[in-house]
mmCIF file of all heavy atoms, coordinates in Angstrom:
data_MODEL
# 
_entry.id   MODEL 
# 
loop_
_atom_site.group_PDB 
_atom_site.id 
_atom_site.type_symbol 
_atom_site.label_atom_id 
_atom_site.label_alt_id 
_atom_site.label_comp_id 
_atom_site.label_asym_id 
_atom_site.label_entity_id 
_atom_site.label_seq_id 
_atom_site.pdbx_PDB_ins_code 
_atom_site.Cartn_x 
_atom_site.Cartn_y 
_atom_site.Cartn_z 
_atom_site.occupancy 
_atom_site.B_iso_or_equiv 
_atom_site.pdbx_formal_charge 
_atom_site.auth_seq_id 
_atom_site.auth_comp_id 
_atom_site.auth_asym_id 
_atom_site.auth_atom_id 
_atom_site.pdbx_PDB_model_num 
ATOM 1   N N   . TYR A 1 1  ? -22.214 -42.199 -22.909 1.00 0.00 ? 1  TYR A N   1 
ATOM 2   C CA  . TYR A 1 1  ? -21.365 -43.066 -23.547 1.00 0.00 ? 1  TYR A CA  1 
ATOM 3   C C   . TYR A 1 1  ? -22.115 -44.379 -23.745 1.00 0.00 ? 1  TYR A C   1 
ATOM 4   O O   . TYR A 1 1  ? -22.683 -44.945 -23.005 1.00 0.00 ? 1  TYR A O   1 
ATOM 5   C CB  . TYR A 1 1  ? -20.083 -43.407 -22.669 1.00 0.00 ? 1  TYR A CB  1 
ATOM 6   C CG  . TYR A 1 1  ? -19.247 -44.405 -23.391 1.00 0.00 ? 1  TYR A CG  1 
ATOM 7   C CD1 . TYR A 1 1  ? -18.377 -43.979 -24.411 1.00 0.00 ? 1  TYR A CD1 1 
ATOM 8   C CD2 . TYR A 1 1  ? -19.089 -45.650 -22.824 1.00 0.00 ? 1  TYR A CD2 1 
ATOM 9   C CE1 . TYR A 1 1  ? -17.519 -44.881 -25.020 1.00 0.00 ? 1  TYR A CE1 1 
ATOM 10  C CE2 . TYR A 1 1  ? -18.336 -46.508 -23.482 1.00 0.00 ? 1  TYR A CE2 1 
ATOM 11  C CZ  . TYR A 1 1  ? -17.465 -46.203 -24.534 1.00 0.00 ? 1  TYR A CZ  1 
ATOM 12  O OH  . TYR A 1 1  ? -16.562 -47.046 -25.038 1.00 0.00 ? 1  TYR A OH  1 
ATOM 13  N N   . GLU A 1 2  ? -22.202 -44.720 -25.150 1.00 0.00 ? 2  GLU A N   1 
ATOM 14  C CA  . GLU A 1 2  ? -22.936 -45.832 -25.591 1.00 0.00 ? 2  GLU A CA  1 
ATOM 15  C C   . GLU A 1 2  ? -24.320 -45.985 -25.071 1.00 0.00 ? 2  GLU A C   1 
ATOM 16  O O   . GLU A 1 2  ? -24.703 -46.953 -24.390 1.00 0.00 ? 2  GLU A O   1 
ATOM 17  C CB  . GLU A 1 2  ? -22.172 -47.072 -25.317 1.00 0.00 ? 2  GLU A CB  1 
ATOM 18  C CG  . GLU A 1 2  ? -20.819 -47.192 -26.164 1.00 0.00 ? 2  GLU A CG  1 
ATOM 19  C CD  . GLU A 1 2  ? -20.203 -48.610 -26.199 1.00 0.00 ? 2  GLU A CD  1 
ATOM 20  O OE1 . GLU A 1 2  ? -20.750 -49.516 -25.533 1.00 0.00 ? 2  GLU A OE1 1 
ATOM 21  O OE2 . GLU A 1 2  ? -19.346 -48.753 -26.965 1.00 0.00 ? 2  GLU A OE2 1 
ATOM 22  N N   . ASN A 1 3  ? -25.135 -44.836 -25.104 1.00 0.00 ? 3  ASN A N   1 
ATOM 23  C CA  . ASN A 1 3  ? -26.607 -44.797 -24.764 1.00 0.00 ? 3  ASN A CA  1 
ATOM 24  C C   . ASN A 1 3  ? -26.739 -44.878 -23.298 1.00 0.00 ? 3  ASN A C   1 
ATOM 25  O O   . ASN A 1 3  ? -27.838 -45.122 -22.819 1.00 0.00 ? 3  ASN A O   1 
ATOM 26  C CB  . ASN A 1 3  ? -27.320 -45.799 -25.548 1.00 0.00 ? 3  ASN A CB  1 
ATOM 27  C CG  . ASN A 1 3  ? -27.392 -45.512 -27.088 1.00 0.00 ? 3  ASN A CG  1 
ATOM 28  O OD1 . ASN A 1 3  ? -27.460 -44.421 -27.427 1.00 0.00 ? 3  ASN A OD1 1 
ATOM 29  N ND2 . ASN A 1 3  ? -27.344 -46.696 -27.787 1.00 0.00 ? 3  ASN A ND2 1 
ATOM 30  N N   . GLU A 1 4  ? -25.695 -44.741 -22.405 1.00 0.00 ? 4  GLU A N   1 
ATOM 31  C CA  . GLU A 1 4  ? -25.883 -44.712 -21.003 1.00 0.00 ? 4  GLU A CA  1 
ATOM 32  C C   . GLU A 1 4  ? -25.434 -43.333 -20.531 1.00 0.00 ? 4  GLU A C   1 
ATOM 33  O O   . GLU A 1 4  ? -24.482 -42.714 -21.133 1.00 0.00 ? 4  GLU A O   1 
ATOM 34  C CB  . GLU A 1 4  ? -25.078 -45.782 -20.351 1.00 0.00 ? 4  GLU A CB  1 
ATOM 35  C CG  . GLU A 1 4  ? -25.423 -47.237 -20.637 1.00 0.00 ? 4  GLU A CG  1 
ATOM 36  C CD  . GLU A 1 4  ? -26.643 -47.651 -19.995 1.00 0.00 ? 4  GLU A CD  1 
ATOM 37  O OE1 . GLU A 1 4  ? -27.090 -46.994 -19.014 1.00 0.00 ? 4  GLU A OE1 1 
ATOM 38  O OE2 . GLU A 1 4  ? -27.159 -48.772 -20.213 1.00 0.00 ? 4  GLU A OE2 1 
ATOM 39  N N   . ARG A 1 5  ? -25.899 -42.847 -19.375 1.00 0.00 ? 5  ARG A N   1 
ATOM 40  C CA  . ARG A 1 5  ? -25.465 -41.573 -18.884 1.00 0.00 ? 5  ARG A CA  1 
ATOM 41  C C   . ARG A 1 5  ? -24.556 -41.891 -17.751 1.00 0.00 ? 5  ARG A C   1 
ATOM 42  O O   . ARG A 1 5  ? -24.629 -42.867 -16.966 1.00 0.00 ? 5  ARG A O   1 
ATOM 43  C CB  . ARG A 1 5  ? -26.702 -40.701 -18.203 1.00 0.00 ? 5  ARG A CB  1 
ATOM 44  C CG  . ARG A 1 5  ? -27.315 -40.023 -19.350 1.00 0.00 ? 5  ARG A CG  1 
ATOM 45  C CD  . ARG A 1 5  ? -28.439 -39.141 -18.795 1.00 0.00 ? 5  ARG A CD  1 
ATOM 46  N NE  . ARG A 1 5  ? -28.236 -38.702 -17.449 1.00 0.00 ? 5  ARG A NE  1 
ATOM 47  C CZ  . ARG A 1 5  ? -29.207 -38.305 -16.670 1.00 0.00 ? 5  ARG A CZ  1 
ATOM 48  N NH1 . ARG A 1 5  ? -30.402 -38.231 -16.995 1.00 0.00 ? 5  ARG A NH1 1 
ATOM 49  N NH2 . ARG A 1 5  ? -28.881 -37.959 -15.474 1.00 0.00 ? 5  ARG A NH2 1 
ATOM 50  N N   . TYR A 1 6  ? -23.442 -41.065 -17.694 1.00 0.00 ? 6  TYR A N   1 
ATOM 51  C CA  . TYR A 1 6  ? -22.447 -41.186 -16.508 1.00 0.00 ? 6  TYR A CA  1 
ATOM 52  C C   . TYR A 1 6  ? -22.054 -39.924 -15.907 1.00 0.00 ? 6  TYR A C   1 
ATOM 53  O O   . TYR A 1 6  ? -22.396 -38.790 -16.546 1.00 0.00 ? 6  TYR A O   1 
ATOM 54  C CB  . TYR A 1 6  ? -21.059 -41.685 -17.212 1.00 0.00 ? 6  TYR A CB  1 
ATOM 55  C CG  . TYR A 1 6  ? -21.286 -43.174 -17.653 1.00 0.00 ? 6  TYR A CG  1 
ATOM 56  C CD1 . TYR A 1 6  ? -21.449 -43.505 -18.974 1.00 0.00 ? 6  TYR A CD1 1 
ATOM 57  C CD2 . TYR A 1 6  ? -21.034 -44.244 -16.837 1.00 0.00 ? 6  TYR A CD2 1 
ATOM 58  C CE1 . TYR A 1 6  ? -21.783 -44.737 -19.594 1.00 0.00 ? 6  TYR A CE1 1 
ATOM 59  C CE2 . TYR A 1 6  ? -21.075 -45.572 -17.220 1.00 0.00 ? 6  TYR A CE2 1 
ATOM 60  C CZ  . TYR A 1 6  ? -21.546 -45.787 -18.571 1.00 0.00 ? 6  TYR A CZ  1 
ATOM 61  O OH  . TYR A 1 6  ? -21.715 -47.091 -19.015 1.00 0.00 ? 6  TYR A OH  1 
ATOM 62  N N   . VAL A 1 7  ? -21.659 -39.817 -14.717 1.00 0.00 ? 7  VAL A N   1 
ATOM 63  C CA  . VAL A 1 7  ? -21.385 -38.752 -14.128 1.00 0.00 ? 7  VAL A CA  1 
ATOM 64  C C   . VAL A 1 7  ? -19.904 -38.906 -13.578 1.00 0.00 ? 7  VAL A C   1 
ATOM 65  O O   . VAL A 1 7  ? -19.513 -39.767 -13.107 1.00 0.00 ? 7  VAL A O   1 
ATOM 66  C CB  . VAL A 1 7  ? -22.304 -38.409 -12.860 1.00 0.00 ? 7  VAL A CB  1 
ATOM 67  C CG1 . VAL A 1 7  ? -22.263 -39.400 -11.859 1.00 0.00 ? 7  VAL A CG1 1 
ATOM 68  C CG2 . VAL A 1 7  ? -22.135 -37.066 -12.302 1.00 0.00 ? 7  VAL A CG2 1 
ATOM 69  N N   . ALA A 1 8  ? -19.134 -37.670 -13.672 1.00 0.00 ? 8  ALA A N   1 
ATOM 70  C CA  . ALA A 1 8  ? -17.731 -37.669 -13.131 1.00 0.00 ? 8  ALA A CA  1 
ATOM 71  C C   . ALA A 1 8  ? -17.807 -36.739 -11.978 1.00 0.00 ? 8  ALA A C   1 
ATOM 72  O O   . ALA A 1 8  ? -18.188 -35.582 -11.977 1.00 0.00 ? 8  ALA A O   1 
ATOM 73  C CB  . ALA A 1 8  ? -16.845 -37.104 -14.306 1.00 0.00 ? 8  ALA A CB  1 
ATOM 74  N N   . LEU A 1 9  ? -17.335 -37.250 -10.869 1.00 0.00 ? 9  LEU A N   1 
ATOM 75  C CA  . LEU A 1 9  ? -17.224 -36.484 -9.514  1.00 0.00 ? 9  LEU A CA  1 
ATOM 76  C C   . LEU A 1 9  ? -15.752 -36.540 -9.007  1.00 0.00 ? 9  LEU A C   1 
ATOM 77  O O   . LEU A 1 9  ? -14.976 -37.472 -9.319  1.00 0.00 ? 9  LEU A O   1 
ATOM 78  C CB  . LEU A 1 9  ? -18.063 -37.093 -8.518  1.00 0.00 ? 9  LEU A CB  1 
ATOM 79  C CG  . LEU A 1 9  ? -19.533 -37.298 -8.930  1.00 0.00 ? 9  LEU A CG  1 
ATOM 80  C CD1 . LEU A 1 9  ? -20.238 -38.225 -7.824  1.00 0.00 ? 9  LEU A CD1 1 
ATOM 81  C CD2 . LEU A 1 9  ? -20.302 -35.972 -9.115  1.00 0.00 ? 9  LEU A CD2 1 
ATOM 82  N N   . VAL A 1 10 ? -15.505 -35.559 -8.207  1.00 0.00 ? 10 VAL A N   1 
ATOM 83  C CA  . VAL A 1 10 ? -14.187 -35.588 -7.552  1.00 0.00 ? 10 VAL A CA  1 
ATOM 84  C C   . VAL A 1 10 ? -14.414 -35.255 -6.016  1.00 0.00 ? 10 VAL A C   1 
ATOM 85  O O   . VAL A 1 10 ? -15.395 -34.462 -5.794  1.00 0.00 ? 10 VAL A O   1 
ATOM 86  C CB  . VAL A 1 10 ? -13.116 -34.563 -8.202  1.00 0.00 ? 10 VAL A CB  1 
ATOM 87  C CG1 . VAL A 1 10 ? -13.644 -33.109 -8.059  1.00 0.00 ? 10 VAL A CG1 1 
ATOM 88  C CG2 . VAL A 1 10 ? -11.799 -34.716 -7.626  1.00 0.00 ? 10 VAL A CG2 1 
ATOM 89  N N   . PRO A 1 11 ? -13.773 -35.912 -5.146  1.00 0.00 ? 11 PRO A N   1 
ATOM 90  C CA  . PRO A 1 11 ? -14.157 -35.460 -3.620  1.00 0.00 ? 11 PRO A CA  1 
ATOM 91  C C   . PRO A 1 11 ? -13.886 -33.964 -3.583  1.00 0.00 ? 11 PRO A C   1 
ATOM 92  O O   . PRO A 1 11 ? -12.886 -33.475 -3.920  1.00 0.00 ? 11 PRO A O   1 
ATOM 93  C CB  . PRO A 1 11 ? -12.958 -36.376 -2.955  1.00 0.00 ? 11 PRO A CB  1 
ATOM 94  C CG  . PRO A 1 11 ? -12.622 -37.569 -3.796  1.00 0.00 ? 11 PRO A CG  1 
ATOM 95  C CD  . PRO A 1 11 ? -12.820 -36.977 -5.332  1.00 0.00 ? 11 PRO A CD  1 
ATOM 96  N N   . ALA A 1 12 ? -14.887 -33.422 -2.928  1.00 0.00 ? 12 ALA A N   1 
ATOM 97  C CA  . ALA A 1 12 ? -14.839 -31.937 -2.690  1.00 0.00 ? 12 ALA A CA  1 
ATOM 98  C C   . ALA A 1 12 ? -13.491 -31.489 -1.987  1.00 0.00 ? 12 ALA A C   1 
ATOM 99  O O   . ALA A 1 12 ? -12.933 -30.455 -2.339  1.00 0.00 ? 12 ALA A O   1 
ATOM 100 C CB  . ALA A 1 12 ? -16.089 -31.581 -1.859  1.00 0.00 ? 12 ALA A CB  1 
ATOM 101 N N   . ALA A 1 13 ? -13.042 -32.332 -1.076  1.00 0.00 ? 13 ALA A N   1 
ATOM 102 C CA  . ALA A 1 13 ? -11.809 -31.978 -0.353  1.00 0.00 ? 13 ALA A CA  1 
ATOM 103 C C   . ALA A 1 13 ? -10.657 -31.890 -1.101  1.00 0.00 ? 13 ALA A C   1 
ATOM 104 O O   . ALA A 1 13 ? -9.570  -31.251 -0.896  1.00 0.00 ? 13 ALA A O   1 
ATOM 105 C CB  . ALA A 1 13 ? -11.644 -33.022 0.831   1.00 0.00 ? 13 ALA A CB  1 
ATOM 106 N N   . GLN A 1 14 ? -10.739 -32.498 -2.410  1.00 0.00 ? 14 GLN A N   1 
ATOM 107 C CA  . GLN A 1 14 ? -9.538  -32.593 -3.352  1.00 0.00 ? 14 GLN A CA  1 
ATOM 108 C C   . GLN A 1 14 ? -9.841  -31.841 -4.593  1.00 0.00 ? 14 GLN A C   1 
ATOM 109 O O   . GLN A 1 14 ? -9.117  -32.020 -5.502  1.00 0.00 ? 14 GLN A O   1 
ATOM 110 C CB  . GLN A 1 14 ? -9.256  -34.088 -3.698  1.00 0.00 ? 14 GLN A CB  1 
ATOM 111 C CG  . GLN A 1 14 ? -8.964  -34.917 -2.458  1.00 0.00 ? 14 GLN A CG  1 
ATOM 112 C CD  . GLN A 1 14 ? -8.867  -36.377 -2.831  1.00 0.00 ? 14 GLN A CD  1 
ATOM 113 O OE1 . GLN A 1 14 ? -8.847  -36.758 -3.992  1.00 0.00 ? 14 GLN A OE1 1 
ATOM 114 N NE2 . GLN A 1 14 ? -8.673  -37.205 -1.949  1.00 0.00 ? 14 GLN A NE2 1 
ATOM 115 N N   . ALA A 1 15 ? -10.976 -31.093 -4.637  1.00 0.00 ? 15 ALA A N   1 
ATOM 116 C CA  . ALA A 1 15 ? -11.421 -30.436 -5.922  1.00 0.00 ? 15 ALA A CA  1 
ATOM 117 C C   . ALA A 1 15 ? -10.324 -29.515 -6.514  1.00 0.00 ? 15 ALA A C   1 
ATOM 118 O O   . ALA A 1 15 ? -10.251 -29.554 -7.856  1.00 0.00 ? 15 ALA A O   1 
ATOM 119 C CB  . ALA A 1 15 ? -12.708 -29.698 -5.725  1.00 0.00 ? 15 ALA A CB  1 
ATOM 120 N N   . ASP A 1 16 ? -9.372  -28.988 -5.740  1.00 0.00 ? 16 ASP A N   1 
ATOM 121 C CA  . ASP A 1 16 ? -8.470  -28.070 -6.409  1.00 0.00 ? 16 ASP A CA  1 
ATOM 122 C C   . ASP A 1 16 ? -7.098  -28.785 -6.650  1.00 0.00 ? 16 ASP A C   1 
ATOM 123 O O   . ASP A 1 16 ? -6.286  -28.238 -7.165  1.00 0.00 ? 16 ASP A O   1 
ATOM 124 C CB  . ASP A 1 16 ? -8.179  -26.982 -5.435  1.00 0.00 ? 16 ASP A CB  1 
ATOM 125 C CG  . ASP A 1 16 ? -9.366  -26.006 -5.246  1.00 0.00 ? 16 ASP A CG  1 
ATOM 126 O OD1 . ASP A 1 16 ? -10.127 -25.903 -6.190  1.00 0.00 ? 16 ASP A OD1 1 
ATOM 127 O OD2 . ASP A 1 16 ? -9.517  -25.341 -4.120  1.00 0.00 ? 16 ASP A OD2 1 
ATOM 128 N N   . ASP A 1 17 ? -7.052  -30.148 -6.545  1.00 0.00 ? 17 ASP A N   1 
ATOM 129 C CA  . ASP A 1 17 ? -5.872  -30.926 -6.669  1.00 0.00 ? 17 ASP A CA  1 
ATOM 130 C C   . ASP A 1 17 ? -6.014  -31.510 -8.114  1.00 0.00 ? 17 ASP A C   1 
ATOM 131 O O   . ASP A 1 17 ? -6.859  -32.238 -8.370  1.00 0.00 ? 17 ASP A O   1 
ATOM 132 C CB  . ASP A 1 17 ? -5.771  -31.938 -5.663  1.00 0.00 ? 17 ASP A CB  1 
ATOM 133 C CG  . ASP A 1 17 ? -4.636  -32.815 -5.786  1.00 0.00 ? 17 ASP A CG  1 
ATOM 134 O OD1 . ASP A 1 17 ? -3.706  -32.686 -6.621  1.00 0.00 ? 17 ASP A OD1 1 
ATOM 135 O OD2 . ASP A 1 17 ? -4.320  -33.720 -4.848  1.00 0.00 ? 17 ASP A OD2 1 
ATOM 136 N N   . ASP A 1 18 ? -4.944  -31.257 -8.879  1.00 0.00 ? 18 ASP A N   1 
ATOM 137 C CA  . ASP A 1 18 ? -4.851  -31.733 -10.205 1.00 0.00 ? 18 ASP A CA  1 
ATOM 138 C C   . ASP A 1 18 ? -4.668  -33.326 -10.293 1.00 0.00 ? 18 ASP A C   1 
ATOM 139 O O   . ASP A 1 18 ? -4.991  -33.949 -11.278 1.00 0.00 ? 18 ASP A O   1 
ATOM 140 C CB  . ASP A 1 18 ? -3.745  -31.074 -11.073 1.00 0.00 ? 18 ASP A CB  1 
ATOM 141 C CG  . ASP A 1 18 ? -4.138  -29.715 -11.338 1.00 0.00 ? 18 ASP A CG  1 
ATOM 142 O OD1 . ASP A 1 18 ? -5.276  -29.245 -11.402 1.00 0.00 ? 18 ASP A OD1 1 
ATOM 143 O OD2 . ASP A 1 18 ? -3.062  -28.865 -11.694 1.00 0.00 ? 18 ASP A OD2 1 
ATOM 144 N N   . GLU A 1 19 ? -4.278  -33.840 -9.153  1.00 0.00 ? 19 GLU A N   1 
ATOM 145 C CA  . GLU A 1 19 ? -4.070  -35.281 -9.040  1.00 0.00 ? 19 GLU A CA  1 
ATOM 146 C C   . GLU A 1 19 ? -5.221  -35.931 -8.298  1.00 0.00 ? 19 GLU A C   1 
ATOM 147 O O   . GLU A 1 19 ? -5.210  -37.147 -7.989  1.00 0.00 ? 19 GLU A O   1 
ATOM 148 C CB  . GLU A 1 19 ? -2.794  -35.472 -8.327  1.00 0.00 ? 19 GLU A CB  1 
ATOM 149 C CG  . GLU A 1 19 ? -1.430  -34.871 -8.849  1.00 0.00 ? 19 GLU A CG  1 
ATOM 150 C CD  . GLU A 1 19 ? -1.061  -35.604 -10.211 1.00 0.00 ? 19 GLU A CD  1 
ATOM 151 O OE1 . GLU A 1 19 ? -1.270  -36.812 -10.247 1.00 0.00 ? 19 GLU A OE1 1 
ATOM 152 O OE2 . GLU A 1 19 ? -0.798  -34.786 -11.161 1.00 0.00 ? 19 GLU A OE2 1 
ATOM 153 N N   . ALA A 1 20 ? -6.353  -35.313 -8.117  1.00 0.00 ? 20 ALA A N   1 
ATOM 154 C CA  . ALA A 1 20 ? -7.470  -35.816 -7.358  1.00 0.00 ? 20 ALA A CA  1 
ATOM 155 C C   . ALA A 1 20 ? -8.031  -37.002 -8.238  1.00 0.00 ? 20 ALA A C   1 
ATOM 156 O O   . ALA A 1 20 ? -8.067  -37.061 -9.447  1.00 0.00 ? 20 ALA A O   1 
ATOM 157 C CB  . ALA A 1 20 ? -8.537  -34.708 -7.146  1.00 0.00 ? 20 ALA A CB  1 
ATOM 158 N N   . GLU A 1 21 ? -8.518  -38.010 -7.551  1.00 0.00 ? 21 GLU A N   1 
ATOM 159 C CA  . GLU A 1 21 ? -9.177  -39.204 -8.155  1.00 0.00 ? 21 GLU A CA  1 
ATOM 160 C C   . GLU A 1 21 ? -10.564 -38.865 -8.627  1.00 0.00 ? 21 GLU A C   1 
ATOM 161 O O   . GLU A 1 21 ? -11.472 -38.292 -7.917  1.00 0.00 ? 21 GLU A O   1 
ATOM 162 C CB  . GLU A 1 21 ? -9.327  -40.339 -7.095  1.00 0.00 ? 21 GLU A CB  1 
ATOM 163 C CG  . GLU A 1 21 ? -9.880  -41.491 -7.613  1.00 0.00 ? 21 GLU A CG  1 
ATOM 164 C CD  . GLU A 1 21 ? -9.925  -42.587 -6.598  1.00 0.00 ? 21 GLU A CD  1 
ATOM 165 O OE1 . GLU A 1 21 ? -9.541  -42.518 -5.422  1.00 0.00 ? 21 GLU A OE1 1 
ATOM 166 O OE2 . GLU A 1 21 ? -10.390 -43.715 -7.029  1.00 0.00 ? 21 GLU A OE2 1 
ATOM 167 N N   . VAL A 1 22 ? -10.778 -39.125 -9.858  1.00 0.00 ? 22 VAL A N   1 
ATOM 168 C CA  . VAL A 1 22 ? -12.077 -38.891 -10.531 1.00 0.00 ? 22 VAL A CA  1 
ATOM 169 C C   . VAL A 1 22 ? -12.914 -40.181 -10.309 1.00 0.00 ? 22 VAL A C   1 
ATOM 170 O O   . VAL A 1 22 ? -12.477 -41.171 -10.499 1.00 0.00 ? 22 VAL A O   1 
ATOM 171 C CB  . VAL A 1 22 ? -12.034 -38.614 -12.023 1.00 0.00 ? 22 VAL A CB  1 
ATOM 172 C CG1 . VAL A 1 22 ? -13.369 -38.483 -12.721 1.00 0.00 ? 22 VAL A CG1 1 
ATOM 173 C CG2 . VAL A 1 22 ? -11.251 -37.331 -12.189 1.00 0.00 ? 22 VAL A CG2 1 
ATOM 174 N N   . ILE A 1 23 ? -14.128 -40.059 -9.805  1.00 0.00 ? 23 ILE A N   1 
ATOM 175 C CA  . ILE A 1 23 ? -15.059 -41.058 -9.585  1.00 0.00 ? 23 ILE A CA  1 
ATOM 176 C C   . ILE A 1 23 ? -16.086 -41.062 -10.833 1.00 0.00 ? 23 ILE A C   1 
ATOM 177 O O   . ILE A 1 23 ? -16.746 -40.051 -11.027 1.00 0.00 ? 23 ILE A O   1 
ATOM 178 C CB  . ILE A 1 23 ? -15.783 -40.844 -8.245  1.00 0.00 ? 23 ILE A CB  1 
ATOM 179 C CG1 . ILE A 1 23 ? -14.873 -40.602 -7.148  1.00 0.00 ? 23 ILE A CG1 1 
ATOM 180 C CG2 . ILE A 1 23 ? -16.705 -42.062 -7.981  1.00 0.00 ? 23 ILE A CG2 1 
ATOM 181 C CD1 . ILE A 1 23 ? -13.919 -41.661 -6.762  1.00 0.00 ? 23 ILE A CD1 1 
ATOM 182 N N   . LEU A 1 24 ? -16.238 -42.109 -11.429 1.00 0.00 ? 24 LEU A N   1 
ATOM 183 C CA  . LEU A 1 24 ? -17.098 -42.201 -12.506 1.00 0.00 ? 24 LEU A CA  1 
ATOM 184 C C   . LEU A 1 24 ? -18.223 -43.215 -12.188 1.00 0.00 ? 24 LEU A C   1 
ATOM 185 O O   . LEU A 1 24 ? -17.987 -44.310 -11.722 1.00 0.00 ? 24 LEU A O   1 
ATOM 186 C CB  . LEU A 1 24 ? -16.531 -42.803 -13.823 1.00 0.00 ? 24 LEU A CB  1 
ATOM 187 C CG  . LEU A 1 24 ? -15.385 -41.883 -14.374 1.00 0.00 ? 24 LEU A CG  1 
ATOM 188 C CD1 . LEU A 1 24 ? -14.554 -42.554 -15.390 1.00 0.00 ? 24 LEU A CD1 1 
ATOM 189 C CD2 . LEU A 1 24 ? -16.047 -40.577 -14.927 1.00 0.00 ? 24 LEU A CD2 1 
ATOM 190 N N   . LEU A 1 25 ? -19.491 -42.742 -12.257 1.00 0.00 ? 25 LEU A N   1 
ATOM 191 C CA  . LEU A 1 25 ? -20.593 -43.658 -11.969 1.00 0.00 ? 25 LEU A CA  1 
ATOM 192 C C   . LEU A 1 25 ? -21.561 -43.600 -12.999 1.00 0.00 ? 25 LEU A C   1 
ATOM 193 O O   . LEU A 1 25 ? -21.921 -42.509 -13.749 1.00 0.00 ? 25 LEU A O   1 
ATOM 194 C CB  . LEU A 1 25 ? -21.360 -43.077 -10.667 1.00 0.00 ? 25 LEU A CB  1 
ATOM 195 C CG  . LEU A 1 25 ? -20.347 -43.041 -9.338  1.00 0.00 ? 25 LEU A CG  1 
ATOM 196 C CD1 . LEU A 1 25 ? -21.015 -42.149 -8.279  1.00 0.00 ? 25 LEU A CD1 1 
ATOM 197 C CD2 . LEU A 1 25 ? -20.079 -44.502 -8.911  1.00 0.00 ? 25 LEU A CD2 1 
ATOM 198 N N   . ARG A 1 26 ? -22.341 -44.629 -13.231 1.00 0.00 ? 26 ARG A N   1 
ATOM 199 C CA  . ARG A 1 26 ? -23.454 -44.641 -14.238 1.00 0.00 ? 26 ARG A CA  1 
ATOM 200 C C   . ARG A 1 26 ? -24.719 -44.045 -13.559 1.00 0.00 ? 26 ARG A C   1 
ATOM 201 O O   . ARG A 1 26 ? -25.017 -44.232 -12.417 1.00 0.00 ? 26 ARG A O   1 
ATOM 202 C CB  . ARG A 1 26 ? -23.751 -46.104 -14.663 1.00 0.00 ? 26 ARG A CB  1 
ATOM 203 C CG  . ARG A 1 26 ? -24.763 -46.163 -15.761 1.00 0.00 ? 26 ARG A CG  1 
ATOM 204 C CD  . ARG A 1 26 ? -25.023 -47.635 -16.385 1.00 0.00 ? 26 ARG A CD  1 
ATOM 205 N NE  . ARG A 1 26 ? -25.541 -48.432 -15.377 1.00 0.00 ? 26 ARG A NE  1 
ATOM 206 C CZ  . ARG A 1 26 ? -25.001 -49.512 -14.764 1.00 0.00 ? 26 ARG A CZ  1 
ATOM 207 N NH1 . ARG A 1 26 ? -23.693 -49.697 -15.072 1.00 0.00 ? 26 ARG A NH1 1 
ATOM 208 N NH2 . ARG A 1 26 ? -25.585 -50.252 -13.985 1.00 0.00 ? 26 ARG A NH2 1 
# 
């Protein structure tokens, strides 16, 4: 996004939960 790389992660314990919080990191 705008010449920077980002990663989207979700806590492994919540991976199957559609409501899990997504963590975005540069």
